[in-house]
């Protein structure tokens, strides 16, 4: 149902988006800086669970509308592209505040593993970058002629979840192993924010310029 080309194309787009540090990554880093590796890994598990709940919501709620309405698809795509550009501009403008965000996240008291996972789920579900990506980008990679759009979205959605699990885990492990290096430099976090902002703006332009032509 889902071809190898679809998987590869969506994986490439997912890797680009996931590679841009956003709210979920900052949350994982903050927890790692404050509480170490175990809490960081539990947070990653919660984040990816929350993200896949977004996939399910989009597949069930948007898939049928996308299948029937080109207008609806265009509205979602252009709104998502505009919001990606907006997020990119905001990320660049506030790049110097990334350290404050990480420190604020790291100041929370440690919880049990289940509570930590639940916190991660909440952050994953409410992550604006994830909402925009799954609502505006995921529908572009399904094969409309093959039908079963919901199933295709659910399968394709596993791709960014797998990538996110690996990359977020690496962020968490890296932050927990080098707490002083991350927390001690405003300049390093500022550079991450600026590069992420530019990349997100470029992604928004790409989303607006590509997609269905049927």
Protein backbone atom coordinates (compact mmCIF):
# COMPACT_ATOMS: atom_id res chain seq x y z
CA UNK A 1 0.00 0.00 0.00
CA UNK A 2 2.77 2.43 0.95
CA UNK A 3 5.66 2.28 -1.51
CA UNK A 4 9.36 2.48 -0.74
CA UNK A 5 9.54 5.80 -2.59
CA UNK A 6 6.85 7.25 -0.33
CA UNK A 7 8.70 6.08 2.76
CA UNK A 8 12.03 7.50 1.54
CA UNK A 9 10.57 10.86 0.51
CA UNK A 10 8.66 11.25 3.76
CA UNK A 11 11.68 10.11 5.77
CA UNK A 12 13.81 12.81 4.13
CA UNK A 13 11.25 15.51 4.91
CA UNK A 14 10.79 14.17 8.44
CA UNK A 15 14.53 14.18 9.08
CA UNK A 16 14.72 17.81 7.99
CA UNK A 17 11.89 18.87 10.29
CA UNK A 18 12.94 16.75 13.27
CA UNK A 19 16.49 18.01 12.94
CA UNK A 20 15.27 21.52 13.84
CA UNK A 21 15.27 21.79 17.65
CA UNK A 22 11.77 22.68 18.85
CA UNK A 23 9.70 22.57 22.06
CA UNK A 24 10.01 18.80 22.48
CA UNK A 25 13.79 18.82 22.08
CA UNK A 26 14.16 21.72 24.51
CA UNK A 27 11.98 19.87 26.99
CA UNK A 28 14.11 16.72 26.70
CA UNK A 29 17.29 18.78 27.08
CA UNK A 30 15.90 20.62 30.09
CA UNK A 31 14.94 17.37 31.81
CA UNK A 32 18.33 15.84 30.98
CA UNK A 33 20.19 18.85 32.36
CA UNK A 34 18.18 18.79 35.57
CA UNK A 35 17.63 15.10 36.27
CA UNK A 36 19.91 13.01 34.08
CA UNK A 37 19.65 10.17 31.61
CA UNK A 38 16.76 8.12 33.08
CA UNK A 39 14.39 11.11 33.16
CA UNK A 40 15.48 12.19 29.68
CA UNK A 41 14.71 8.76 28.22
CA UNK A 42 11.29 8.63 29.93
CA UNK A 43 10.57 12.09 28.51
CA UNK A 44 11.50 10.91 25.01
CA UNK A 45 9.08 7.98 25.33
CA UNK A 46 6.29 10.36 26.31
CA UNK A 47 7.12 12.79 23.51
CA UNK A 48 7.00 10.22 20.73
CA UNK A 49 3.78 8.76 22.15
CA UNK A 50 2.19 12.21 22.10
CA UNK A 51 3.45 12.79 18.58
CA UNK A 52 1.87 9.57 17.32
CA UNK A 53 -1.42 10.61 18.92
CA UNK A 54 -1.21 13.62 16.59
CA UNK A 55 -0.73 11.23 13.65
CA UNK A 56 -3.83 9.28 14.67
CA UNK A 57 -5.86 12.48 15.09
CA UNK A 58 -4.81 13.79 11.69
CA UNK A 59 -5.41 10.44 9.98
CA UNK A 60 -8.90 10.07 11.43
CA UNK A 61 -9.99 13.68 11.25
CA UNK A 62 -8.21 15.13 8.25
CA UNK A 63 -7.67 12.09 6.02
CA UNK A 64 -11.27 11.80 4.83
CA UNK A 65 -11.59 15.54 4.19
CA UNK A 66 -8.31 15.63 2.28
CA UNK A 67 -9.46 12.70 0.16
CA UNK A 68 -12.66 14.52 -0.88
CA UNK A 69 -11.66 18.17 -1.02
CA UNK A 70 -8.75 19.74 -2.87
CA UNK A 71 -9.81 23.12 -1.47
CA UNK A 72 -9.56 21.84 2.10
CA UNK A 73 -6.16 20.35 1.34
CA UNK A 74 -4.91 23.66 -0.05
CA UNK A 75 -6.24 25.58 2.94
CA UNK A 76 -4.52 23.22 5.39
CA UNK A 77 -1.30 23.22 3.38
CA UNK A 78 -1.06 26.99 3.00
CA UNK A 79 -2.05 27.61 6.62
CA UNK A 80 0.57 25.13 7.73
CA UNK A 81 3.21 26.66 5.45
CA UNK A 82 2.44 30.15 6.77
CA UNK A 83 2.66 28.95 10.35
CA UNK A 84 5.97 27.21 9.69
CA UNK A 85 7.35 30.49 8.36
CA UNK A 86 5.93 32.29 11.39
CA UNK A 87 7.55 29.77 13.76
CA UNK A 88 10.84 30.15 11.89
CA UNK A 89 10.75 33.94 12.21
CA UNK A 90 9.88 33.67 15.90
CA UNK A 91 12.66 31.13 16.49
CA UNK A 92 15.20 33.45 14.87
CA UNK A 93 13.96 36.56 16.69
CA UNK A 94 14.01 34.84 20.07
CA UNK A 95 17.10 32.70 19.55
CA UNK A 96 18.88 34.39 22.47
CA UNK A 97 16.09 33.27 24.81
CA UNK A 98 16.64 29.54 24.22
CA UNK A 99 18.86 29.27 27.28
CA UNK A 100 16.12 30.75 29.45
CA UNK A 101 13.65 28.20 28.06
CA UNK A 102 16.00 25.30 28.77
CA UNK A 103 16.72 26.54 32.26
CA UNK A 104 13.02 26.97 33.00
CA UNK A 105 12.39 23.37 31.89
CA UNK A 106 15.27 22.11 33.96
CA UNK A 107 14.03 23.71 37.14
CA UNK A 108 11.14 21.33 37.61
CA UNK A 109 11.25 18.73 40.32
CA UNK A 110 11.84 15.14 39.30
CA UNK A 111 8.79 12.86 39.17
CA UNK A 112 8.29 9.13 38.91
CA UNK A 113 8.77 7.49 35.53
CA UNK A 114 5.04 7.35 34.72
CA UNK A 115 4.57 11.02 35.57
CA UNK A 116 7.61 11.90 33.49
CA UNK A 117 6.23 9.94 30.53
CA UNK A 118 2.85 11.66 30.95
CA UNK A 119 4.55 15.06 30.95
CA UNK A 120 6.27 14.09 27.71
CA UNK A 121 2.96 13.02 26.15
CA UNK A 122 1.45 16.43 26.91
CA UNK A 123 4.42 18.24 25.38
CA UNK A 124 4.31 15.98 22.30
CA UNK A 125 0.57 16.46 21.72
CA UNK A 126 0.73 20.24 22.12
CA UNK A 127 3.93 20.74 20.13
CA UNK A 128 2.95 23.31 17.45
CA UNK A 129 5.68 22.12 15.09
CA UNK A 130 4.29 18.57 15.24
CA UNK A 131 0.71 19.72 14.72
CA UNK A 132 1.65 21.76 11.66
CA UNK A 133 3.88 19.05 10.21
CA UNK A 134 1.41 16.20 10.49
CA UNK A 135 -1.60 18.26 9.38
CA UNK A 136 0.04 20.03 6.44
CA UNK A 137 2.83 17.70 5.28
CA UNK A 138 1.74 14.13 6.02
CA UNK A 139 -1.30 14.16 3.64
CA UNK A 140 0.98 15.13 0.73
CA UNK A 141 2.78 11.80 0.84
CA UNK A 142 -0.20 9.44 0.56
CA UNK A 143 -1.16 7.79 -2.72
CA UNK A 144 -4.73 8.94 -3.37
CA UNK A 145 -5.24 6.46 -6.19
CA UNK A 146 -4.48 3.54 -3.84
CA UNK A 147 -7.18 4.50 -1.32
CA UNK A 148 -7.04 3.58 2.39
CA UNK A 149 -5.71 7.05 3.25
CA UNK A 150 -6.11 6.57 6.99
CA UNK A 151 -4.04 3.38 6.96
CA UNK A 152 -1.40 5.01 4.76
CA UNK A 153 -1.10 7.95 7.16
CA UNK A 154 -0.85 5.67 10.18
CA UNK A 155 1.94 3.70 8.51
CA UNK A 156 3.79 6.75 7.23
CA UNK A 157 3.45 8.36 10.64
CA UNK A 158 5.66 5.65 12.10
CA UNK A 159 8.59 7.05 10.08
CA UNK A 160 8.98 10.39 11.91
CA UNK A 161 8.19 8.64 15.20
CA UNK A 162 11.14 6.28 14.67
CA UNK A 163 13.42 9.13 13.59
CA UNK A 164 12.27 11.28 16.50
CA UNK A 165 12.90 8.47 18.97
CA UNK A 166 16.50 8.15 17.80
CA UNK A 167 17.28 11.87 17.54
CA UNK A 168 15.55 12.88 20.79
CA UNK A 169 17.34 10.06 22.60
CA UNK A 170 20.66 11.32 21.27
CA UNK A 171 19.82 14.87 22.40
CA UNK A 172 18.88 13.59 25.85
CA UNK A 173 21.95 11.41 26.24
CA UNK A 174 24.22 14.15 24.97
CA UNK A 175 22.72 16.76 27.28
CA UNK A 176 22.85 14.49 30.31
CA UNK A 177 26.51 13.69 29.59
CA UNK A 178 27.53 17.31 29.02
CA UNK A 179 25.26 19.40 31.24
CA UNK A 180 27.77 22.14 31.92
CA UNK A 181 28.65 22.50 28.22
CA UNK A 182 25.02 23.14 27.17
CA UNK A 183 23.90 25.23 30.13
CA UNK A 184 27.03 27.36 30.33
CA UNK A 185 26.90 29.05 26.90
CA UNK A 186 24.25 31.46 25.69
CA UNK A 187 26.01 31.65 22.32
CA UNK A 188 25.73 27.94 21.55
CA UNK A 189 21.99 27.80 22.20
CA UNK A 190 21.52 31.08 20.31
CA UNK A 191 23.21 29.61 17.22
CA UNK A 192 20.95 26.54 17.39
CA UNK A 193 17.88 28.79 17.51
CA UNK A 194 19.01 30.95 14.58
CA UNK A 195 19.84 28.01 12.32
CA UNK A 196 16.57 26.30 13.23
CA UNK A 197 14.61 29.45 12.41
CA UNK A 198 16.09 29.75 8.93
CA UNK A 199 15.54 26.03 8.24
CA UNK A 200 11.89 26.23 9.32
CA UNK A 201 11.27 29.27 7.08
CA UNK A 202 12.72 27.32 4.14
CA UNK A 203 10.51 24.35 4.96
CA UNK A 204 7.43 26.56 5.02
CA UNK A 205 8.24 27.92 1.57
CA UNK A 206 8.80 24.35 0.29
CA UNK A 207 5.47 23.14 1.70
CA UNK A 208 3.63 26.06 0.04
CA UNK A 209 5.27 25.40 -3.34
CA UNK A 210 4.72 21.63 -3.52
CA UNK A 211 1.87 19.17 -3.14
CA UNK A 212 -1.13 17.76 -4.95
CA UNK A 213 -1.94 18.87 -8.45
CA UNK A 214 -5.02 16.66 -8.95
